[in-house]
N, C-alpha and C. Protein backbone atom coordinates (compact mmCIF):
# COMPACT_ATOMS: atom_id res chain seq x y z
N MET A 1 131.58 25.43 179.87
CA MET A 1 132.49 25.55 181.25
C MET A 1 132.90 23.82 181.46
N ARG A 2 134.05 24.13 182.35
CA ARG A 2 134.76 22.97 182.56
C ARG A 2 134.54 22.53 183.73
N VAL A 3 134.58 20.76 184.08
CA VAL A 3 133.95 19.90 184.68
C VAL A 3 135.43 19.12 185.33
N ILE A 4 135.71 19.47 186.89
CA ILE A 4 136.75 18.66 186.69
C ILE A 4 136.41 17.91 187.82
N VAL A 5 136.55 16.53 187.70
CA VAL A 5 136.33 15.64 188.93
C VAL A 5 137.22 15.00 188.90
N LEU A 6 137.16 15.01 190.92
CA LEU A 6 138.20 14.37 192.04
C LEU A 6 137.83 13.29 192.06
N THR A 7 138.88 12.31 192.07
CA THR A 7 138.62 11.13 192.35
C THR A 7 139.53 10.94 193.52
N SER A 8 139.09 9.82 194.66
CA SER A 8 139.73 9.30 195.93
C SER A 8 140.55 8.08 195.54
N ILE A 9 141.34 8.07 196.21
CA ILE A 9 141.76 6.47 195.93
C ILE A 9 142.07 5.84 197.45
N PHE A 10 141.39 4.47 197.64
CA PHE A 10 141.38 4.14 199.27
C PHE A 10 142.54 3.46 198.56
N LEU A 11 143.64 2.84 199.71
CA LEU A 11 144.31 2.07 199.52
C LEU A 11 144.20 1.49 201.20
N GLY A 12 144.33 0.05 201.29
CA GLY A 12 144.52 -0.59 202.40
C GLY A 12 146.07 -1.07 203.25
N VAL A 13 146.52 -0.38 203.83
CA VAL A 13 147.98 -0.45 204.38
C VAL A 13 147.56 -1.45 205.24
N TRP A 14 148.24 -3.12 205.37
CA TRP A 14 147.70 -3.80 206.55
C TRP A 14 149.06 -3.87 207.37
N SER A 15 149.16 -3.78 208.19
CA SER A 15 150.16 -4.09 209.23
C SER A 15 149.97 -4.71 210.67
N CYS A 16 150.97 -5.12 211.22
CA CYS A 16 151.09 -5.68 212.59
C CYS A 16 151.82 -5.06 213.52
N PRO A 17 151.45 -5.01 214.74
CA PRO A 17 152.12 -4.04 216.14
C PRO A 17 153.69 -4.51 215.86
N ASN A 18 154.31 -3.59 216.48
CA ASN A 18 155.99 -4.02 216.52
C ASN A 18 156.38 -5.33 217.56
N GLY A 19 157.37 -6.37 216.34
CA GLY A 19 157.19 -7.18 217.97
C GLY A 19 156.56 -8.52 217.41
N TRP A 20 155.68 -8.37 216.25
CA TRP A 20 154.45 -9.62 215.93
C TRP A 20 155.25 -9.42 214.84
N ILE A 21 154.80 -10.99 214.35
CA ILE A 21 154.96 -11.77 212.83
C ILE A 21 154.04 -11.55 212.09
N THR A 22 153.94 -11.37 210.89
CA THR A 22 152.89 -11.47 209.76
C THR A 22 152.69 -12.63 209.12
N HIS A 23 151.64 -12.84 208.82
CA HIS A 23 151.51 -13.59 207.70
C HIS A 23 150.31 -13.95 207.18
N GLU A 24 149.79 -13.90 205.75
CA GLU A 24 148.76 -13.93 205.55
C GLU A 24 147.82 -12.36 206.34
N SER A 25 146.23 -12.40 206.87
CA SER A 25 145.86 -11.54 207.72
C SER A 25 145.99 -11.50 208.67
N SER A 26 146.84 -12.58 209.74
CA SER A 26 146.52 -12.25 210.78
C SER A 26 148.84 -11.99 211.23
N CYS A 27 148.45 -11.48 212.65
CA CYS A 27 149.75 -11.03 213.28
C CYS A 27 149.45 -12.16 214.40
N TYR A 28 151.28 -12.76 214.72
CA TYR A 28 151.40 -13.13 216.04
C TYR A 28 152.69 -13.11 216.60
N HIS A 29 152.42 -12.99 217.82
CA HIS A 29 153.04 -13.01 218.84
C HIS A 29 153.74 -13.75 220.09
N PHE A 30 154.87 -13.83 219.53
CA PHE A 30 155.27 -14.88 220.66
C PHE A 30 156.14 -14.76 222.29
N SER A 31 155.57 -14.92 223.52
CA SER A 31 156.11 -14.18 224.56
C SER A 31 157.46 -14.95 224.52
N HIS A 32 158.34 -13.54 225.72
CA HIS A 32 159.46 -14.50 226.38
C HIS A 32 159.45 -14.06 227.19
N ASP A 33 158.21 -14.17 228.25
CA ASP A 33 157.89 -14.29 229.51
C ASP A 33 156.75 -15.28 229.47
N ILE A 34 156.41 -15.87 230.87
CA ILE A 34 155.75 -17.30 230.80
C ILE A 34 154.84 -16.45 231.45
N GLU A 35 153.80 -17.41 231.86
CA GLU A 35 152.14 -17.24 232.57
C GLU A 35 151.40 -18.36 232.64
N THR A 36 150.25 -18.61 233.18
CA THR A 36 148.96 -19.65 233.77
C THR A 36 148.41 -19.39 232.14
N TRP A 37 147.77 -20.34 232.22
CA TRP A 37 147.19 -20.16 230.57
C TRP A 37 146.21 -19.13 231.07
N ALA A 38 145.39 -18.55 232.29
CA ALA A 38 144.79 -17.59 232.75
C ALA A 38 145.49 -16.44 232.15
N GLY A 39 146.49 -16.53 232.92
CA GLY A 39 147.58 -15.00 233.02
C GLY A 39 147.94 -14.76 231.47
N ALA A 40 148.11 -15.39 230.66
CA ALA A 40 148.74 -15.99 228.66
C ALA A 40 147.20 -15.12 228.48
N ASP A 41 146.22 -15.93 228.62
CA ASP A 41 145.02 -14.94 227.90
C ASP A 41 145.04 -13.51 228.17
N TYR A 42 145.01 -13.36 229.48
CA TYR A 42 145.00 -12.03 230.12
C TYR A 42 146.05 -10.44 228.98
N MET A 43 147.14 -11.58 228.77
CA MET A 43 148.03 -10.66 228.44
C MET A 43 148.19 -10.39 227.44
N CYS A 44 147.24 -11.32 226.00
CA CYS A 44 147.21 -11.31 224.76
C CYS A 44 145.94 -10.20 224.33
N ASN A 45 145.12 -10.70 225.23
CA ASN A 45 144.04 -9.27 225.52
C ASN A 45 144.55 -8.00 225.94
N LYS A 46 145.41 -7.94 226.95
CA LYS A 46 145.56 -6.79 226.90
C LYS A 46 147.01 -6.22 225.65
N MET A 47 146.53 -6.99 225.08
CA MET A 47 148.07 -6.63 223.97
C MET A 47 146.87 -6.46 222.38
N GLY A 48 145.86 -6.45 222.80
CA GLY A 48 145.16 -6.37 221.87
C GLY A 48 144.68 -7.91 220.47
N GLY A 49 145.19 -8.69 221.13
CA GLY A 49 144.46 -10.47 220.61
C GLY A 49 144.08 -11.24 221.02
N LYS A 50 144.43 -12.00 221.11
CA LYS A 50 143.97 -13.59 221.77
C LYS A 50 144.55 -14.45 221.95
N LEU A 51 144.68 -15.27 222.65
CA LEU A 51 145.15 -16.84 222.22
C LEU A 51 145.20 -17.44 220.99
N LEU A 52 146.30 -18.27 220.92
CA LEU A 52 146.40 -18.31 219.70
C LEU A 52 144.88 -19.62 218.94
N GLU A 53 144.30 -19.34 218.10
CA GLU A 53 143.58 -20.42 217.59
C GLU A 53 143.97 -20.62 216.47
N ILE A 54 144.50 -21.95 216.10
CA ILE A 54 144.97 -22.37 214.69
C ILE A 54 143.94 -22.92 214.37
N GLU A 55 143.40 -22.54 213.07
CA GLU A 55 142.35 -22.89 212.24
C GLU A 55 142.90 -23.91 210.74
N THR A 56 144.01 -24.10 210.55
CA THR A 56 144.26 -25.22 209.74
C THR A 56 145.47 -25.41 210.02
N ALA A 57 145.81 -26.76 208.98
CA ALA A 57 146.71 -27.27 208.90
C ALA A 57 148.03 -26.21 208.48
N ALA A 58 147.63 -25.74 207.09
CA ALA A 58 148.23 -24.35 207.02
C ALA A 58 149.16 -23.71 207.95
N GLU A 59 147.92 -22.99 208.54
CA GLU A 59 148.55 -22.18 209.86
C GLU A 59 149.04 -23.10 210.47
N ASN A 60 149.26 -23.79 210.92
CA ASN A 60 149.96 -24.96 212.26
C ASN A 60 151.26 -25.04 211.25
N ALA A 61 151.26 -24.85 209.67
CA ALA A 61 152.79 -25.65 209.50
C ALA A 61 153.62 -24.33 209.16
N VAL A 62 153.08 -23.12 209.05
CA VAL A 62 154.02 -21.69 209.39
C VAL A 62 154.41 -21.79 210.53
N LEU A 63 153.60 -21.82 211.59
CA LEU A 63 153.89 -22.17 212.94
C LEU A 63 154.87 -22.39 213.85
N THR A 64 154.99 -24.06 213.05
CA THR A 64 156.01 -24.39 213.68
C THR A 64 157.10 -24.48 213.86
N PRO A 65 157.77 -23.98 212.25
CA PRO A 65 159.13 -23.93 212.33
C PRO A 65 159.50 -22.75 213.21
N ILE A 66 158.64 -21.81 213.44
CA ILE A 66 158.76 -20.52 214.44
C ILE A 66 158.73 -21.61 215.88
N ILE A 67 158.19 -21.82 216.12
CA ILE A 67 157.81 -22.19 217.44
C ILE A 67 158.97 -23.36 217.95
N ASP A 68 159.24 -24.37 217.17
CA ASP A 68 160.78 -25.53 216.93
C ASP A 68 161.64 -24.37 216.86
N SER A 69 162.19 -23.17 216.66
CA SER A 69 163.84 -22.49 217.02
C SER A 69 163.60 -21.78 218.09
N MET A 70 162.69 -21.35 218.69
CA MET A 70 162.43 -20.99 219.96
C MET A 70 162.69 -22.29 220.54
N GLN A 71 162.74 -23.54 220.39
CA GLN A 71 162.42 -24.62 221.60
C GLN A 71 161.99 -24.36 222.58
N ARG A 72 160.33 -23.64 222.29
CA ARG A 72 159.79 -23.42 223.96
C ARG A 72 158.24 -23.99 223.58
N ASN A 73 157.50 -24.47 224.38
CA ASN A 73 156.08 -25.22 224.99
C ASN A 73 155.15 -23.47 224.53
N TYR A 74 154.25 -23.63 223.98
CA TYR A 74 153.27 -22.09 224.27
C TYR A 74 151.83 -22.29 224.28
N TRP A 75 151.37 -21.67 225.50
CA TRP A 75 149.82 -21.59 225.60
C TRP A 75 149.09 -21.36 224.20
N ILE A 76 147.96 -22.18 223.94
CA ILE A 76 147.03 -21.35 222.84
C ILE A 76 145.86 -21.74 223.42
N GLY A 77 144.46 -21.07 222.57
CA GLY A 77 143.50 -20.88 223.26
C GLY A 77 142.31 -22.32 223.32
N LEU A 78 143.10 -23.16 223.42
CA LEU A 78 142.14 -24.24 223.04
C LEU A 78 142.11 -24.70 225.20
N SER A 79 140.49 -25.32 225.26
CA SER A 79 140.53 -25.10 226.61
C SER A 79 139.15 -26.55 226.72
N ASP A 80 139.40 -27.46 227.64
CA ASP A 80 138.35 -27.95 228.33
C ASP A 80 137.66 -27.72 229.07
N VAL A 81 138.22 -26.67 229.86
CA VAL A 81 137.28 -26.10 230.96
C VAL A 81 136.22 -26.46 231.50
N GLN A 82 135.49 -25.76 230.33
CA GLN A 82 134.01 -25.91 230.52
C GLN A 82 133.27 -27.02 230.70
N GLU A 83 133.55 -28.01 230.67
CA GLU A 83 132.95 -29.52 229.76
C GLU A 83 134.00 -30.47 229.79
N GLU A 84 134.40 -30.75 230.57
CA GLU A 84 135.48 -32.38 230.26
C GLU A 84 135.29 -33.11 229.62
N GLY A 85 136.49 -32.85 228.39
CA GLY A 85 136.42 -33.57 227.17
C GLY A 85 135.97 -32.93 225.89
N VAL A 86 135.09 -31.45 226.55
CA VAL A 86 134.84 -30.91 224.58
C VAL A 86 135.91 -29.57 225.00
N TRP A 87 136.67 -29.67 223.74
CA TRP A 87 137.34 -28.79 223.66
C TRP A 87 137.20 -27.54 222.90
N LEU A 88 137.54 -26.67 223.18
CA LEU A 88 136.74 -25.45 222.48
C LEU A 88 137.72 -24.05 222.59
N TRP A 89 137.83 -23.68 221.43
CA TRP A 89 138.75 -22.50 220.72
C TRP A 89 137.90 -21.11 221.91
N MET A 90 138.73 -20.79 223.12
CA MET A 90 138.01 -19.96 223.50
C MET A 90 137.41 -18.36 223.65
N THR A 91 137.92 -18.12 222.43
CA THR A 91 137.57 -16.56 221.92
C THR A 91 136.48 -16.75 221.37
N SER A 92 136.89 -17.71 220.36
CA SER A 92 135.65 -18.01 219.31
C SER A 92 134.05 -18.22 219.47
N ASN A 93 134.80 -19.63 220.58
CA ASN A 93 133.57 -20.19 221.45
C ASN A 93 133.09 -21.39 220.01
N THR A 94 134.46 -21.98 219.20
CA THR A 94 134.07 -22.99 218.49
C THR A 94 134.41 -24.17 218.79
N LYS A 95 133.63 -25.37 218.72
CA LYS A 95 134.08 -26.39 219.26
C LYS A 95 135.00 -27.28 218.22
N LEU A 96 136.33 -27.38 219.19
CA LEU A 96 137.16 -28.09 218.28
C LEU A 96 136.61 -29.41 217.13
N SER A 97 136.19 -30.05 217.57
CA SER A 97 135.44 -31.38 216.83
C SER A 97 135.06 -30.79 215.89
N THR A 98 133.79 -29.50 215.62
CA THR A 98 133.58 -29.27 214.96
C THR A 98 134.21 -28.64 213.33
N THR A 99 135.80 -28.55 214.29
CA THR A 99 136.52 -27.78 212.96
C THR A 99 137.21 -29.04 212.00
N LYS A 100 137.60 -28.45 211.22
CA LYS A 100 138.26 -29.62 210.35
C LYS A 100 139.53 -29.68 210.57
N PHE A 101 140.62 -28.86 211.19
CA PHE A 101 141.49 -30.09 211.81
C PHE A 101 142.18 -29.61 213.17
N SER A 102 142.72 -30.44 213.65
CA SER A 102 143.18 -30.71 214.96
C SER A 102 144.78 -31.47 214.86
N ASN A 103 145.32 -31.37 215.99
CA ASN A 103 146.81 -31.46 216.11
C ASN A 103 147.47 -32.13 217.38
N TRP A 104 146.95 -33.34 217.72
CA TRP A 104 146.85 -33.63 218.96
C TRP A 104 148.51 -34.46 219.64
N LEU A 105 149.27 -35.02 219.83
CA LEU A 105 150.52 -35.62 220.02
C LEU A 105 149.43 -36.89 220.22
N PRO A 106 150.31 -38.24 219.69
CA PRO A 106 149.70 -39.55 219.80
C PRO A 106 149.48 -39.74 221.41
N GLY A 107 148.20 -39.81 221.90
CA GLY A 107 147.78 -40.68 223.16
C GLY A 107 146.85 -39.19 223.60
N GLU A 108 147.20 -37.58 223.79
CA GLU A 108 146.72 -36.65 223.95
C GLU A 108 145.40 -36.34 222.88
N PRO A 109 144.22 -35.47 224.10
CA PRO A 109 144.62 -35.36 225.05
C PRO A 109 144.20 -36.09 226.02
N ASN A 110 145.19 -36.49 227.27
CA ASN A 110 144.74 -37.31 227.82
C ASN A 110 144.56 -37.02 229.58
N ASN A 111 144.17 -35.86 230.07
CA ASN A 111 144.12 -35.22 231.20
C ASN A 111 144.60 -35.80 232.45
N ALA A 112 146.11 -36.21 232.37
CA ALA A 112 146.72 -36.87 232.79
C ALA A 112 146.32 -36.23 234.87
N ASN A 113 146.18 -37.44 235.70
CA ASN A 113 146.10 -36.99 236.65
C ASN A 113 144.89 -36.07 236.96
N GLY A 114 143.78 -36.14 236.10
CA GLY A 114 142.35 -35.45 235.85
C GLY A 114 142.74 -33.55 236.19
N ASN A 115 143.64 -33.46 235.59
CA ASN A 115 143.86 -31.82 235.89
C ASN A 115 144.70 -31.36 234.91
N GLU A 116 144.15 -31.87 234.04
CA GLU A 116 145.05 -30.81 231.98
C GLU A 116 143.83 -30.76 231.41
N ASN A 117 143.21 -29.19 231.45
CA ASN A 117 142.50 -28.67 230.36
C ASN A 117 142.92 -27.71 229.82
N CYS A 118 144.39 -27.22 229.42
CA CYS A 118 144.47 -26.27 228.64
C CYS A 118 145.37 -27.04 227.99
N ALA A 119 145.34 -26.56 226.21
CA ALA A 119 145.88 -27.02 225.38
C ALA A 119 147.63 -25.92 225.19
N ALA A 120 149.19 -26.81 225.04
CA ALA A 120 149.62 -25.93 224.14
C ALA A 120 150.24 -26.78 223.28
N ILE A 121 150.85 -25.85 222.04
CA ILE A 121 151.53 -26.40 220.83
C ILE A 121 153.15 -26.53 221.75
N THR A 122 153.85 -27.95 221.00
CA THR A 122 154.95 -28.06 221.26
C THR A 122 155.79 -28.24 220.33
N HIS A 123 157.08 -27.61 221.13
CA HIS A 123 158.42 -27.30 219.77
C HIS A 123 159.06 -29.21 219.61
N ALA A 124 159.26 -29.09 218.68
CA ALA A 124 160.43 -30.28 218.58
C ALA A 124 159.14 -31.29 217.97
N THR A 125 158.11 -30.87 217.85
CA THR A 125 157.00 -32.13 217.71
C THR A 125 156.44 -32.07 216.56
N ASN A 126 156.78 -31.53 215.15
CA ASN A 126 155.97 -31.11 214.56
C ASN A 126 154.65 -30.15 214.64
N GLY A 127 154.74 -29.33 215.66
CA GLY A 127 153.63 -28.19 215.40
C GLY A 127 152.60 -29.64 216.35
N LYS A 128 152.80 -30.53 217.26
CA LYS A 128 151.44 -31.36 217.83
C LYS A 128 151.33 -30.33 219.15
N TRP A 129 150.14 -30.83 219.56
CA TRP A 129 149.46 -29.89 220.73
C TRP A 129 149.03 -30.90 221.85
N ASN A 130 149.63 -30.40 223.11
CA ASN A 130 149.53 -31.32 224.19
C ASN A 130 148.47 -30.70 225.77
N ASP A 131 147.91 -31.58 226.28
CA ASP A 131 147.12 -30.87 226.85
C ASP A 131 147.76 -30.91 228.61
N TRP A 132 147.83 -30.06 229.06
CA TRP A 132 148.33 -29.51 230.50
C TRP A 132 147.61 -28.79 231.59
N HIS A 133 147.93 -28.93 232.97
CA HIS A 133 147.59 -28.23 233.67
C HIS A 133 147.57 -26.66 233.35
N CYS A 134 146.48 -26.51 233.69
CA CYS A 134 145.91 -24.83 233.29
C CYS A 134 146.31 -23.83 234.38
N ASN A 135 147.30 -24.47 235.43
CA ASN A 135 147.77 -23.67 236.23
C ASN A 135 149.22 -23.32 236.32
N GLY A 136 150.07 -24.25 235.15
CA GLY A 136 151.22 -24.19 235.08
C GLY A 136 151.82 -23.11 234.43
N ASP A 137 153.06 -22.45 234.37
CA ASP A 137 154.02 -22.05 233.64
C ASP A 137 154.04 -22.28 232.50
N ALA A 138 154.03 -21.42 231.31
CA ALA A 138 154.16 -21.99 230.29
C ALA A 138 154.40 -20.23 229.45
N PHE A 139 155.26 -20.55 228.00
CA PHE A 139 155.22 -19.15 227.34
C PHE A 139 154.00 -19.33 226.39
N TYR A 140 153.47 -18.14 225.78
CA TYR A 140 152.16 -18.15 225.23
C TYR A 140 152.58 -17.30 223.82
N ALA A 141 151.70 -17.59 222.61
CA ALA A 141 151.33 -17.38 221.80
C ALA A 141 150.20 -16.56 221.43
N CYS A 142 149.84 -15.60 221.12
CA CYS A 142 148.60 -14.29 220.80
C CYS A 142 148.20 -14.48 219.10
N GLU A 143 147.41 -13.82 219.03
CA GLU A 143 146.94 -13.70 217.50
C GLU A 143 146.36 -12.52 217.40
N GLN A 144 146.23 -11.97 216.29
CA GLN A 144 145.49 -10.57 216.51
C GLN A 144 144.92 -10.19 214.32
N ASP A 145 143.96 -9.70 214.40
CA ASP A 145 143.86 -9.83 213.06
C ASP A 145 144.60 -8.76 212.22
N LYS A 146 145.27 -8.40 211.31
CA LYS A 146 145.80 -7.26 210.63
C LYS A 146 144.64 -6.20 210.84
N GLU A 147 145.75 -4.66 211.36
CA GLU A 147 144.81 -3.39 211.23
C GLU A 147 145.01 -3.16 209.84
N THR A 148 144.07 -2.15 209.29
CA THR A 148 144.10 -1.63 208.34
C THR A 148 144.27 0.02 208.58
N ASP A 149 145.15 0.83 207.91
CA ASP A 149 144.92 2.08 207.76
C ASP A 149 144.43 2.78 206.02
N ALA A 150 143.77 3.28 206.02
CA ALA A 150 143.70 3.80 205.39
C ALA A 150 144.08 5.01 204.60
N ILE A 151 144.43 5.37 203.18
CA ILE A 151 145.49 6.57 202.76
C ILE A 151 144.48 6.77 201.78
N VAL A 152 143.85 8.12 201.78
CA VAL A 152 143.38 8.72 200.66
C VAL A 152 144.20 9.49 200.12
N GLY A 153 143.66 9.49 198.91
CA GLY A 153 144.96 10.42 198.48
C GLY A 153 144.34 10.70 196.57
């Protein structure tokens, strides 16, 4: 009697939604419209992502030329709105002080006029960050993990 063994092969196909830029295991979206920081956070969530959380110098370096080419400033998911001077990546709830990377412009964050609690990555500054008032309008950068679709064959 012959036994036939069938095996399944699982391949992960990594993809990003249309209009998103892929890099390693992340997808990035750079908005064409402006929002307040809270509005930007809402829009990123609506698209299945979060406001950008920059975890390493390498990630910042990949994003900098994209942002510079667009000549816009973009909200990122960093804020000290919960406690002045304690900067948090809002989705992961990670304190910036515990991470190994930050990229503030010289003299920032400075909380100018006592009203700058949200962060943006600025163009033409080598990817440096600036604190700004959360109710201001700016473009926004979203991030999400790549989706995997199973192919069985």
